[in-house]
Amino acid sequence: MLLIGILGVVALSEFWRRATFRYVHEARMRHQLLLFRHIVTGLLLAVVLALGFVSEFSSLATFAGFVAAGIAVALQTLLLSVAGYFFLIGRHGIMVGDRISVSGVTGDVIYVGLVRLYLTELAGAGSDLHPTGRVVVISNSVLFLGIPLLKQIPGTAYAWHEVVMKLERDSDYNQAESKLLAAVNSVYAQYKESIEEMHQSLKGLMTISP
């Protein structure tokens, strides 16, 4: 029975491999499915071996409890990274080419792995960023450490700028406001068409009201 169980797991693994190469043509998804196949195969083999060497149900339950506790402690970071991966690829998740900031690092995403996230590092101030030539590797478990992950809204190229103006007590606030508003409108007039297109894209993506 032990041999039959092992052969069944091996057959399932081989069927998974053949189906992946036949029906999945995107290289990134194929790599992830094959990696997940190795994990599932290893877990199934461990279960089959446990069932083969433990005969009594009570002993099996005790054994499974110790194994589960050991796996949870030893692979805590890995399990969090795998869970974080499904958050990253979900709705409003991260894709290759997105610009994000996490753990004090700003960069463009070049690969989203099952346990790690790869960025090309960018340095600079404000919107004046340039690549440093380094690749940053960040564990997906960072999502569960309370560290915010900031992402550029897809289809947009917004950049936030703040202008601070100090006025004297006897200054004309209305005149200052009108001058600032005129400066803003002059800049807005140059990019009005593209800004409105991005706003429409944002409304469809985020379901916001105008």
N, C-alpha and C. Protein backbone atom coordinates (compact mmCIF):
# COMPACT_ATOMS: atom_id res chain seq x y z
N MET A 1 0.82 -1.21 0.00
CA MET A 1 0.00 0.00 0.00
C MET A 1 0.87 1.27 0.00
N LEU A 2 2.00 1.19 0.74
CA LEU A 2 2.91 2.33 0.76
C LEU A 2 3.47 2.61 -0.63
N LEU A 3 3.87 1.54 -1.32
CA LEU A 3 4.40 1.69 -2.68
C LEU A 3 3.35 2.24 -3.63
N ILE A 4 2.11 1.76 -3.49
CA ILE A 4 1.03 2.24 -4.34
C ILE A 4 0.78 3.74 -4.11
N GLY A 5 0.82 4.14 -2.84
CA GLY A 5 0.62 5.55 -2.52
C GLY A 5 1.70 6.43 -3.12
N ILE A 6 2.97 5.98 -3.02
CA ILE A 6 4.09 6.75 -3.58
C ILE A 6 3.97 6.85 -5.09
N LEU A 7 3.63 5.71 -5.73
CA LEU A 7 3.46 5.73 -7.18
C LEU A 7 2.32 6.64 -7.61
N GLY A 8 1.25 6.69 -6.80
CA GLY A 8 0.12 7.57 -7.12
C GLY A 8 0.53 9.04 -7.07
N VAL A 9 1.32 9.40 -6.06
CA VAL A 9 1.79 10.78 -5.95
C VAL A 9 2.71 11.13 -7.11
N VAL A 10 3.61 10.20 -7.46
CA VAL A 10 4.53 10.45 -8.58
C VAL A 10 3.75 10.60 -9.88
N ALA A 11 2.72 9.76 -10.07
CA ALA A 11 1.90 9.85 -11.28
C ALA A 11 1.16 11.18 -11.35
N LEU A 12 0.63 11.62 -10.20
CA LEU A 12 -0.05 12.92 -10.17
C LEU A 12 0.91 14.06 -10.49
N SER A 13 2.13 13.96 -9.96
CA SER A 13 3.13 14.99 -10.22
C SER A 13 3.49 15.04 -11.70
N GLU A 14 3.65 13.89 -12.30
CA GLU A 14 3.99 13.84 -13.72
C GLU A 14 2.85 14.35 -14.58
N PHE A 15 1.62 14.02 -14.22
CA PHE A 15 0.45 14.53 -14.96
C PHE A 15 0.39 16.05 -14.86
N TRP A 16 0.67 16.58 -13.67
CA TRP A 16 0.68 18.04 -13.45
C TRP A 16 1.73 18.69 -14.35
N ARG A 17 2.92 18.07 -14.41
CA ARG A 17 4.00 18.64 -15.22
C ARG A 17 3.63 18.66 -16.69
N ARG A 18 3.08 17.55 -17.19
CA ARG A 18 2.72 17.48 -18.61
C ARG A 18 1.60 18.46 -18.95
N ALA A 19 0.61 18.58 -18.06
CA ALA A 19 -0.50 19.50 -18.30
C ALA A 19 -0.02 20.95 -18.30
N THR A 20 0.94 21.25 -17.42
CA THR A 20 1.47 22.61 -17.36
C THR A 20 2.17 22.98 -18.66
N PHE A 21 3.03 22.09 -19.15
CA PHE A 21 3.75 22.38 -20.39
C PHE A 21 2.83 22.41 -21.60
N ARG A 22 1.70 21.71 -21.52
CA ARG A 22 0.80 21.65 -22.67
C ARG A 22 -0.17 22.83 -22.73
N TYR A 23 -0.68 23.24 -21.57
CA TYR A 23 -1.76 24.23 -21.57
C TYR A 23 -1.31 25.62 -21.10
N VAL A 24 -0.16 25.73 -20.45
CA VAL A 24 0.31 27.03 -19.96
C VAL A 24 1.50 27.45 -20.81
N HIS A 25 1.35 28.55 -21.55
CA HIS A 25 2.39 28.99 -22.47
C HIS A 25 3.16 30.22 -21.95
N GLU A 26 2.62 30.89 -20.94
CA GLU A 26 3.29 32.06 -20.38
C GLU A 26 4.39 31.58 -19.43
N ALA A 27 5.62 32.02 -19.66
CA ALA A 27 6.78 31.47 -18.95
C ALA A 27 6.69 31.72 -17.45
N ARG A 28 6.25 32.92 -17.06
CA ARG A 28 6.20 33.24 -15.63
C ARG A 28 5.19 32.35 -14.90
N MET A 29 3.99 32.19 -15.47
CA MET A 29 2.97 31.36 -14.84
C MET A 29 3.38 29.90 -14.82
N ARG A 30 4.05 29.44 -15.89
CA ARG A 30 4.50 28.05 -15.94
C ARG A 30 5.52 27.78 -14.84
N HIS A 31 6.46 28.71 -14.66
CA HIS A 31 7.46 28.54 -13.61
C HIS A 31 6.82 28.48 -12.23
N GLN A 32 5.83 29.31 -11.98
CA GLN A 32 5.17 29.32 -10.68
C GLN A 32 4.38 28.04 -10.44
N LEU A 33 3.70 27.54 -11.47
CA LEU A 33 2.94 26.30 -11.31
C LEU A 33 3.86 25.11 -11.05
N LEU A 34 5.00 25.08 -11.73
CA LEU A 34 5.95 23.99 -11.50
C LEU A 34 6.57 24.06 -10.11
N LEU A 35 6.82 25.28 -9.64
CA LEU A 35 7.33 25.43 -8.28
C LEU A 35 6.29 24.99 -7.26
N PHE A 36 5.05 25.35 -7.48
CA PHE A 36 3.98 24.93 -6.58
C PHE A 36 3.80 23.41 -6.64
N ARG A 37 4.03 22.83 -7.81
CA ARG A 37 3.95 21.37 -7.96
C ARG A 37 4.96 20.67 -7.07
N HIS A 38 6.18 21.20 -6.99
CA HIS A 38 7.20 20.59 -6.12
C HIS A 38 6.77 20.63 -4.65
N ILE A 39 6.17 21.73 -4.24
CA ILE A 39 5.73 21.86 -2.85
C ILE A 39 4.62 20.86 -2.55
N VAL A 40 3.63 20.79 -3.43
CA VAL A 40 2.51 19.88 -3.21
C VAL A 40 2.97 18.42 -3.23
N THR A 41 3.86 18.09 -4.16
CA THR A 41 4.37 16.72 -4.23
C THR A 41 5.11 16.34 -2.95
N GLY A 42 5.93 17.23 -2.45
CA GLY A 42 6.65 16.95 -1.21
C GLY A 42 5.72 16.74 -0.03
N LEU A 43 4.68 17.57 0.08
CA LEU A 43 3.72 17.42 1.18
C LEU A 43 2.94 16.11 1.07
N LEU A 44 2.53 15.75 -0.15
CA LEU A 44 1.79 14.50 -0.33
C LEU A 44 2.66 13.29 -0.02
N LEU A 45 3.93 13.33 -0.41
CA LEU A 45 4.83 12.22 -0.09
C LEU A 45 5.02 12.10 1.42
N ALA A 46 5.10 13.23 2.11
CA ALA A 46 5.23 13.19 3.56
C ALA A 46 4.00 12.58 4.20
N VAL A 47 2.82 12.91 3.69
CA VAL A 47 1.58 12.34 4.23
C VAL A 47 1.51 10.84 3.97
N VAL A 48 1.89 10.43 2.76
CA VAL A 48 1.86 8.99 2.43
C VAL A 48 2.82 8.21 3.31
N LEU A 49 4.02 8.72 3.52
CA LEU A 49 4.99 8.05 4.40
C LEU A 49 4.49 8.00 5.83
N ALA A 50 3.86 9.07 6.28
CA ALA A 50 3.33 9.07 7.64
C ALA A 50 2.24 8.02 7.80
N LEU A 51 1.35 7.94 6.82
CA LEU A 51 0.29 6.93 6.87
C LEU A 51 0.85 5.51 6.78
N GLY A 52 1.96 5.35 6.09
CA GLY A 52 2.54 4.02 5.95
C GLY A 52 3.23 3.52 7.20
N PHE A 53 3.82 4.43 7.98
CA PHE A 53 4.57 4.01 9.16
C PHE A 53 3.79 4.16 10.47
N VAL A 54 2.68 4.87 10.44
CA VAL A 54 1.87 5.02 11.65
C VAL A 54 0.56 4.28 11.43
N SER A 55 0.28 3.28 12.25
CA SER A 55 -0.87 2.42 12.03
C SER A 55 -2.10 2.87 12.81
N GLU A 56 -1.94 3.30 14.05
CA GLU A 56 -3.08 3.67 14.86
C GLU A 56 -3.48 5.12 14.61
N PHE A 57 -4.79 5.36 14.64
CA PHE A 57 -5.29 6.70 14.33
C PHE A 57 -4.85 7.71 15.38
N SER A 58 -4.87 7.33 16.66
CA SER A 58 -4.45 8.26 17.70
C SER A 58 -2.98 8.63 17.53
N SER A 59 -2.16 7.65 17.19
CA SER A 59 -0.75 7.94 16.97
C SER A 59 -0.57 8.83 15.74
N LEU A 60 -1.38 8.59 14.74
CA LEU A 60 -1.31 9.41 13.53
C LEU A 60 -1.69 10.86 13.83
N ALA A 61 -2.74 11.04 14.65
CA ALA A 61 -3.16 12.40 14.98
C ALA A 61 -2.07 13.13 15.77
N THR A 62 -1.46 12.40 16.71
CA THR A 62 -0.38 13.01 17.48
C THR A 62 0.80 13.36 16.59
N PHE A 63 1.15 12.42 15.73
CA PHE A 63 2.27 12.63 14.82
C PHE A 63 2.00 13.81 13.88
N ALA A 64 0.77 13.86 13.35
CA ALA A 64 0.42 14.95 12.44
C ALA A 64 0.45 16.30 13.16
N GLY A 65 0.02 16.30 14.43
CA GLY A 65 0.06 17.54 15.19
C GLY A 65 1.46 18.06 15.39
N PHE A 66 2.39 17.15 15.76
CA PHE A 66 3.78 17.56 15.94
C PHE A 66 4.39 18.03 14.62
N VAL A 67 4.08 17.30 13.55
CA VAL A 67 4.63 17.68 12.24
C VAL A 67 4.10 19.04 11.81
N ALA A 68 2.79 19.27 12.00
CA ALA A 68 2.21 20.55 11.60
C ALA A 68 2.80 21.70 12.41
N ALA A 69 2.98 21.48 13.73
CA ALA A 69 3.55 22.52 14.57
C ALA A 69 5.00 22.81 14.17
N GLY A 70 5.76 21.76 13.88
CA GLY A 70 7.15 21.95 13.47
C GLY A 70 7.26 22.68 12.15
N ILE A 71 6.39 22.33 11.20
CA ILE A 71 6.42 22.99 9.90
C ILE A 71 6.03 24.46 10.04
N ALA A 72 5.00 24.73 10.86
CA ALA A 72 4.54 26.11 11.03
C ALA A 72 5.63 26.99 11.64
N VAL A 73 6.39 26.44 12.59
CA VAL A 73 7.45 27.23 13.23
C VAL A 73 8.65 27.39 12.31
N ALA A 74 9.06 26.28 11.69
CA ALA A 74 10.27 26.32 10.86
C ALA A 74 10.07 27.11 9.57
N LEU A 75 8.86 27.06 9.03
CA LEU A 75 8.61 27.70 7.75
C LEU A 75 7.68 28.90 7.89
N GLN A 76 7.72 29.56 9.03
CA GLN A 76 6.82 30.68 9.27
C GLN A 76 7.00 31.79 8.23
N THR A 77 8.24 32.20 8.01
CA THR A 77 8.49 33.26 7.04
C THR A 77 8.14 32.83 5.63
N LEU A 78 8.46 31.57 5.31
CA LEU A 78 8.15 31.07 3.97
C LEU A 78 6.64 31.04 3.73
N LEU A 79 5.88 30.57 4.74
CA LEU A 79 4.43 30.51 4.59
C LEU A 79 3.83 31.91 4.46
N LEU A 80 4.36 32.86 5.23
CA LEU A 80 3.89 34.24 5.09
C LEU A 80 4.21 34.81 3.71
N SER A 81 5.38 34.44 3.18
CA SER A 81 5.76 34.92 1.85
C SER A 81 4.84 34.37 0.78
N VAL A 82 4.49 33.07 0.90
CA VAL A 82 3.58 32.47 -0.07
C VAL A 82 2.20 33.11 0.03
N ALA A 83 1.73 33.35 1.27
CA ALA A 83 0.44 34.02 1.44
C ALA A 83 0.50 35.45 0.87
N GLY A 84 1.62 36.15 1.08
CA GLY A 84 1.77 37.48 0.54
C GLY A 84 1.75 37.51 -0.98
N TYR A 85 2.23 36.44 -1.60
CA TYR A 85 2.25 36.37 -3.07
C TYR A 85 0.85 36.48 -3.65
N PHE A 86 -0.12 35.81 -3.00
CA PHE A 86 -1.49 35.83 -3.52
C PHE A 86 -2.13 37.20 -3.30
N PHE A 87 -1.69 37.94 -2.28
CA PHE A 87 -2.14 39.32 -2.14
C PHE A 87 -1.54 40.19 -3.24
N LEU A 88 -0.29 39.95 -3.59
CA LEU A 88 0.39 40.77 -4.59
C LEU A 88 -0.19 40.60 -5.98
N ILE A 89 -0.67 39.40 -6.30
CA ILE A 89 -1.18 39.16 -7.65
C ILE A 89 -2.69 39.32 -7.71
N GLY A 90 -3.32 39.71 -6.61
CA GLY A 90 -4.77 39.86 -6.58
C GLY A 90 -5.22 41.16 -7.22
N ARG A 91 -6.48 41.51 -6.97
CA ARG A 91 -7.05 42.75 -7.52
C ARG A 91 -6.26 43.94 -6.99
N HIS A 92 -5.95 44.87 -7.89
CA HIS A 92 -5.12 46.04 -7.56
C HIS A 92 -3.75 45.61 -7.05
N GLY A 93 -3.29 44.46 -7.51
CA GLY A 93 -1.99 43.96 -7.08
C GLY A 93 -0.85 44.57 -7.89
N ILE A 94 0.26 43.87 -7.90
CA ILE A 94 1.48 44.38 -8.53
C ILE A 94 1.79 43.57 -9.77
N MET A 95 2.22 44.26 -10.82
CA MET A 95 2.62 43.62 -12.06
C MET A 95 4.01 44.13 -12.45
N VAL A 96 4.64 43.40 -13.36
CA VAL A 96 5.95 43.81 -13.85
C VAL A 96 5.84 45.18 -14.52
N GLY A 97 6.73 46.09 -14.15
CA GLY A 97 6.71 47.44 -14.70
C GLY A 97 6.11 48.46 -13.76
N ASP A 98 5.39 48.01 -12.72
CA ASP A 98 4.81 48.96 -11.75
C ASP A 98 5.91 49.60 -10.91
N ARG A 99 5.70 50.84 -10.55
CA ARG A 99 6.64 51.54 -9.67
C ARG A 99 6.08 51.53 -8.25
N ILE A 100 6.83 51.01 -7.31
CA ILE A 100 6.36 50.89 -5.94
C ILE A 100 7.43 51.39 -4.97
N SER A 101 7.01 51.63 -3.74
CA SER A 101 7.91 51.98 -2.65
C SER A 101 7.58 51.08 -1.47
N VAL A 102 8.57 50.39 -0.95
CA VAL A 102 8.37 49.49 0.18
C VAL A 102 9.68 49.38 0.95
N SER A 103 9.59 49.36 2.26
CA SER A 103 10.76 49.25 3.13
C SER A 103 11.80 50.32 2.84
N GLY A 104 11.34 51.51 2.48
CA GLY A 104 12.27 52.60 2.20
C GLY A 104 12.95 52.52 0.85
N VAL A 105 12.50 51.61 -0.01
CA VAL A 105 13.10 51.43 -1.33
C VAL A 105 12.05 51.75 -2.40
N THR A 106 12.43 52.55 -3.39
CA THR A 106 11.57 52.85 -4.53
C THR A 106 12.19 52.23 -5.77
N GLY A 107 11.36 51.54 -6.55
CA GLY A 107 11.89 50.90 -7.75
C GLY A 107 10.79 50.39 -8.65
N ASP A 108 11.19 49.91 -9.82
CA ASP A 108 10.27 49.31 -10.78
C ASP A 108 10.31 47.79 -10.65
N VAL A 109 9.13 47.18 -10.61
CA VAL A 109 9.03 45.73 -10.44
C VAL A 109 9.51 45.03 -11.70
N ILE A 110 10.42 44.07 -11.54
CA ILE A 110 10.88 43.28 -12.68
C ILE A 110 10.46 41.82 -12.58
N TYR A 111 10.06 41.38 -11.37
CA TYR A 111 9.60 39.99 -11.23
C TYR A 111 8.87 39.84 -9.89
N VAL A 112 7.74 39.15 -9.92
CA VAL A 112 6.99 38.83 -8.70
C VAL A 112 7.03 37.33 -8.53
N GLY A 113 7.86 36.85 -7.59
CA GLY A 113 8.01 35.43 -7.36
C GLY A 113 7.07 34.92 -6.28
N LEU A 114 7.12 33.61 -6.05
CA LEU A 114 6.24 32.99 -5.05
C LEU A 114 6.61 33.43 -3.65
N VAL A 115 7.87 33.72 -3.40
CA VAL A 115 8.29 34.13 -2.06
C VAL A 115 9.06 35.45 -2.06
N ARG A 116 9.49 35.95 -3.23
CA ARG A 116 10.29 37.17 -3.27
C ARG A 116 9.80 38.12 -4.36
N LEU A 117 10.09 39.39 -4.14
CA LEU A 117 9.75 40.46 -5.06
C LEU A 117 11.05 41.14 -5.50
N TYR A 118 11.22 41.35 -6.81
CA TYR A 118 12.46 41.90 -7.35
C TYR A 118 12.19 43.28 -7.95
N LEU A 119 13.03 44.26 -7.56
CA LEU A 119 12.89 45.63 -8.04
C LEU A 119 14.21 46.13 -8.60
N THR A 120 14.12 47.01 -9.60
CA THR A 120 15.30 47.78 -10.00
C THR A 120 15.28 49.07 -9.19
N GLU A 121 16.30 49.28 -8.40
CA GLU A 121 16.31 50.40 -7.45
C GLU A 121 16.39 51.75 -8.17
N LEU A 122 15.65 52.72 -7.66
CA LEU A 122 15.67 54.09 -8.16
C LEU A 122 16.08 55.02 -7.02
N ALA A 123 16.89 56.01 -7.33
CA ALA A 123 17.35 56.97 -6.33
C ALA A 123 17.07 58.37 -6.84
N GLY A 124 16.99 59.31 -5.91
CA GLY A 124 16.71 60.69 -6.27
C GLY A 124 15.71 61.29 -5.31
N ALA A 125 15.24 62.48 -5.65
CA ALA A 125 14.30 63.20 -4.81
C ALA A 125 13.06 63.55 -5.63
N GLY A 126 11.89 63.38 -4.99
CA GLY A 126 10.64 63.72 -5.66
C GLY A 126 10.40 62.85 -6.88
N SER A 127 10.09 63.51 -8.00
CA SER A 127 9.87 62.78 -9.25
C SER A 127 11.13 62.65 -10.09
N ASP A 128 12.23 63.23 -9.62
CA ASP A 128 13.51 63.15 -10.35
C ASP A 128 14.26 61.90 -9.88
N LEU A 129 13.87 60.75 -10.42
CA LEU A 129 14.46 59.48 -10.02
C LEU A 129 15.28 58.90 -11.16
N HIS A 130 16.33 58.19 -10.81
CA HIS A 130 17.18 57.55 -11.82
C HIS A 130 17.61 56.18 -11.29
N PRO A 131 17.80 55.20 -12.17
CA PRO A 131 18.19 53.85 -11.73
C PRO A 131 19.61 53.83 -11.19
N THR A 132 19.82 53.04 -10.15
CA THR A 132 21.15 52.91 -9.54
C THR A 132 21.94 51.74 -10.11
N GLY A 133 21.27 50.89 -10.89
CA GLY A 133 21.95 49.71 -11.43
C GLY A 133 21.91 48.51 -10.51
N ARG A 134 21.19 48.62 -9.39
CA ARG A 134 21.11 47.52 -8.45
C ARG A 134 19.70 46.91 -8.46
N VAL A 135 19.64 45.62 -8.20
CA VAL A 135 18.36 44.90 -8.08
C VAL A 135 18.11 44.63 -6.60
N VAL A 136 16.93 45.01 -6.12
CA VAL A 136 16.56 44.83 -4.73
C VAL A 136 15.64 43.62 -4.62
N VAL A 137 15.96 42.71 -3.71
CA VAL A 137 15.15 41.51 -3.47
C VAL A 137 14.46 41.67 -2.12
N ILE A 138 13.13 41.62 -2.11
CA ILE A 138 12.34 41.82 -0.90
C ILE A 138 11.42 40.62 -0.72
N SER A 139 11.37 40.10 0.50
CA SER A 139 10.49 38.97 0.81
C SER A 139 9.03 39.42 0.77
N ASN A 140 8.16 38.57 0.24
CA ASN A 140 6.74 38.90 0.20
C ASN A 140 6.13 39.02 1.58
N SER A 141 6.77 38.46 2.60
CA SER A 141 6.25 38.52 3.96
C SER A 141 6.26 39.94 4.51
N VAL A 142 6.89 40.88 3.81
CA VAL A 142 6.93 42.26 4.28
C VAL A 142 5.53 42.85 4.38
N LEU A 143 4.56 42.27 3.64
CA LEU A 143 3.19 42.77 3.68
C LEU A 143 2.55 42.56 5.05
N PHE A 144 3.06 41.60 5.83
CA PHE A 144 2.46 41.29 7.13
C PHE A 144 3.26 41.89 8.28
N LEU A 145 4.22 42.76 7.98
CA LEU A 145 5.05 43.37 9.02
C LEU A 145 4.62 44.79 9.35
N GLY A 146 3.50 45.23 8.81
CA GLY A 146 3.02 46.58 9.07
C GLY A 146 3.72 47.65 8.28
N ILE A 147 4.54 47.26 7.30
CA ILE A 147 5.26 48.22 6.46
C ILE A 147 4.39 48.56 5.25
N PRO A 148 4.05 49.83 5.03
CA PRO A 148 3.19 50.17 3.90
C PRO A 148 3.88 49.94 2.56
N LEU A 149 3.11 49.49 1.59
CA LEU A 149 3.58 49.32 0.22
C LEU A 149 2.84 50.32 -0.65
N LEU A 150 3.58 51.26 -1.24
CA LEU A 150 3.00 52.31 -2.05
C LEU A 150 3.18 51.97 -3.52
N LYS A 151 2.11 52.15 -4.29
CA LYS A 151 2.13 51.76 -5.70
C LYS A 151 1.57 52.89 -6.55
N GLN A 152 2.24 53.11 -7.69
CA GLN A 152 1.72 54.08 -8.67
C GLN A 152 0.41 53.56 -9.24
N ILE A 153 -0.60 54.41 -9.33
CA ILE A 153 -1.89 53.98 -9.85
C ILE A 153 -1.74 53.60 -11.32
N PRO A 154 -2.22 52.39 -11.71
CA PRO A 154 -2.05 51.95 -13.11
C PRO A 154 -2.69 52.93 -14.08
N GLY A 155 -1.99 53.20 -15.17
CA GLY A 155 -2.51 54.07 -16.21
C GLY A 155 -2.38 55.55 -15.92
N THR A 156 -1.70 55.90 -14.84
CA THR A 156 -1.55 57.30 -14.48
C THR A 156 -0.08 57.64 -14.30
N ALA A 157 0.21 58.93 -14.33
CA ALA A 157 1.58 59.40 -14.12
C ALA A 157 1.54 60.63 -13.23
N TYR A 158 0.79 60.53 -12.15
CA TYR A 158 0.66 61.66 -11.24
C TYR A 158 1.91 61.79 -10.37
N ALA A 159 2.23 63.01 -9.98
CA ALA A 159 3.31 63.27 -9.01
C ALA A 159 2.83 64.40 -8.11
N TRP A 160 2.99 64.20 -6.81
CA TRP A 160 2.48 65.16 -5.84
C TRP A 160 3.53 66.20 -5.53
N HIS A 161 3.15 67.47 -5.63
CA HIS A 161 4.04 68.57 -5.31
C HIS A 161 3.32 69.51 -4.35
N GLU A 162 4.01 69.98 -3.36
CA GLU A 162 3.46 70.95 -2.42
C GLU A 162 4.25 72.24 -2.50
N VAL A 163 3.52 73.34 -2.48
CA VAL A 163 4.13 74.66 -2.51
C VAL A 163 3.73 75.39 -1.24
N VAL A 164 4.70 75.88 -0.50
CA VAL A 164 4.45 76.60 0.75
C VAL A 164 4.84 78.06 0.54
N MET A 165 3.90 78.94 0.84
CA MET A 165 4.16 80.38 0.69
C MET A 165 3.86 81.08 2.01
N LYS A 166 4.82 81.80 2.52
CA LYS A 166 4.65 82.56 3.75
C LYS A 166 4.27 84.01 3.41
N LEU A 167 3.22 84.49 4.05
CA LEU A 167 2.72 85.83 3.79
C LEU A 167 2.81 86.67 5.07
N GLU A 168 2.99 87.96 4.87
CA GLU A 168 2.98 88.88 6.00
C GLU A 168 1.55 89.06 6.52
N ARG A 169 1.44 89.57 7.71
CA ARG A 169 0.13 89.73 8.32
C ARG A 169 -0.78 90.67 7.52
N ASP A 170 -0.18 91.71 6.95
CA ASP A 170 -0.99 92.69 6.23
C ASP A 170 -1.05 92.42 4.72
N SER A 171 -0.70 91.18 4.32
CA SER A 171 -0.71 90.84 2.89
C SER A 171 -2.14 90.66 2.39
N ASP A 172 -2.29 90.78 1.07
CA ASP A 172 -3.59 90.56 0.43
C ASP A 172 -3.71 89.07 0.10
N TYR A 173 -4.45 88.34 0.94
CA TYR A 173 -4.56 86.88 0.76
C TYR A 173 -5.32 86.53 -0.53
N ASN A 174 -6.29 87.32 -0.86
CA ASN A 174 -7.05 87.04 -2.09
C ASN A 174 -6.17 87.16 -3.32
N GLN A 175 -5.30 88.17 -3.33
CA GLN A 175 -4.40 88.35 -4.46
C GLN A 175 -3.40 87.20 -4.55
N ALA A 176 -2.88 86.77 -3.40
CA ALA A 176 -1.95 85.64 -3.38
C ALA A 176 -2.63 84.37 -3.88
N GLU A 177 -3.89 84.17 -3.46
CA GLU A 177 -4.63 82.99 -3.90
C GLU A 177 -4.86 83.02 -5.39
N SER A 178 -5.22 84.16 -5.91
CA SER A 178 -5.49 84.26 -7.35
C SER A 178 -4.23 84.01 -8.18
N LYS A 179 -3.07 84.50 -7.70
CA LYS A 179 -1.82 84.27 -8.43
C LYS A 179 -1.44 82.80 -8.42
N LEU A 180 -1.58 82.16 -7.26
CA LEU A 180 -1.28 80.73 -7.19
C LEU A 180 -2.22 79.94 -8.08
N LEU A 181 -3.51 80.28 -8.06
CA LEU A 181 -4.48 79.57 -8.89
C LEU A 181 -4.19 79.77 -10.37
N ALA A 182 -3.75 80.96 -10.74
CA ALA A 182 -3.41 81.22 -12.14
C ALA A 182 -2.21 80.39 -12.56
N ALA A 183 -1.22 80.25 -11.67
CA ALA A 183 -0.05 79.42 -11.99
C ALA A 183 -0.45 77.96 -12.17
N VAL A 184 -1.34 77.48 -11.29
CA VAL A 184 -1.80 76.10 -11.40
C VAL A 184 -2.57 75.88 -12.69
N ASN A 185 -3.46 76.80 -13.01
CA ASN A 185 -4.26 76.66 -14.23
C ASN A 185 -3.40 76.71 -15.49
N SER A 186 -2.34 77.50 -15.48
CA SER A 186 -1.47 77.56 -16.64
C SER A 186 -0.76 76.24 -16.88
N VAL A 187 -0.36 75.59 -15.79
CA VAL A 187 0.27 74.27 -15.93
C VAL A 187 -0.76 73.22 -16.33
N TYR A 188 -1.94 73.31 -15.71
CA TYR A 188 -2.99 72.34 -16.02
C TYR A 188 -3.41 72.42 -17.49
N ALA A 189 -3.41 73.64 -18.04
CA ALA A 189 -3.82 73.81 -19.43
C ALA A 189 -2.90 73.06 -20.39
N GLN A 190 -1.64 72.92 -20.03
CA GLN A 190 -0.69 72.23 -20.91
C GLN A 190 -0.94 70.71 -20.92
N TYR A 191 -1.43 70.16 -19.81
CA TYR A 191 -1.59 68.71 -19.70
C TYR A 191 -3.05 68.31 -19.50
N LYS A 192 -3.97 69.21 -19.83
CA LYS A 192 -5.38 68.97 -19.55
C LYS A 192 -5.89 67.68 -20.20
N GLU A 193 -5.57 67.50 -21.47
CA GLU A 193 -6.10 66.33 -22.20
C GLU A 193 -5.60 65.02 -21.59
N SER A 194 -4.30 64.94 -21.33
CA SER A 194 -3.75 63.69 -20.78
C SER A 194 -4.24 63.47 -19.35
N ILE A 195 -4.39 64.55 -18.58
CA ILE A 195 -4.87 64.41 -17.21
C ILE A 195 -6.31 63.90 -17.19
N GLU A 196 -7.14 64.40 -18.09
CA GLU A 196 -8.52 63.94 -18.14
C GLU A 196 -8.60 62.48 -18.57
N GLU A 197 -7.73 62.06 -19.49
CA GLU A 197 -7.70 60.66 -19.88
C GLU A 197 -7.31 59.76 -18.71
N MET A 198 -6.30 60.20 -17.95
CA MET A 198 -5.89 59.42 -16.79
C MET A 198 -6.99 59.39 -15.72
N HIS A 199 -7.72 60.51 -15.60
CA HIS A 199 -8.80 60.56 -14.62
C HIS A 199 -9.92 59.60 -14.99
N GLN A 200 -10.24 59.53 -16.28
CA GLN A 200 -11.27 58.58 -16.72
C GLN A 200 -10.82 57.14 -16.48
N SER A 201 -9.54 56.87 -16.74
CA SER A 201 -9.01 55.54 -16.48
C SER A 201 -9.07 55.21 -14.99
N LEU A 202 -8.76 56.20 -14.16
CA LEU A 202 -8.79 56.02 -12.72
C LEU A 202 -10.21 55.77 -12.22
N LYS A 203 -11.18 56.47 -12.78
CA LYS A 203 -12.57 56.28 -12.39
C LYS A 203 -13.04 54.87 -12.70
N GLY A 204 -12.65 54.35 -13.90
CA GLY A 204 -13.05 53.00 -14.23
C GLY A 204 -12.37 51.94 -13.39
N LEU A 205 -11.14 52.22 -12.98
CA LEU A 205 -10.38 51.24 -12.20
C LEU A 205 -10.81 51.22 -10.74
N MET A 206 -10.98 52.40 -10.15
CA MET A 206 -11.24 52.49 -8.72
C MET A 206 -12.72 52.68 -8.38
N THR A 207 -13.57 52.87 -9.40
CA THR A 207 -15.00 53.09 -9.21
C THR A 207 -15.23 54.27 -8.28
N ILE A 208 -14.67 55.41 -8.65
CA ILE A 208 -14.82 56.60 -7.84
C ILE A 208 -15.77 57.56 -8.53
N SER A 209 -16.34 58.46 -7.75
CA SER A 209 -17.23 59.47 -8.30
C SER A 209 -16.43 60.70 -8.68
N PRO A 210 -16.82 61.43 -9.72
CA PRO A 210 -16.06 62.59 -10.15
C PRO A 210 -16.13 63.69 -9.09
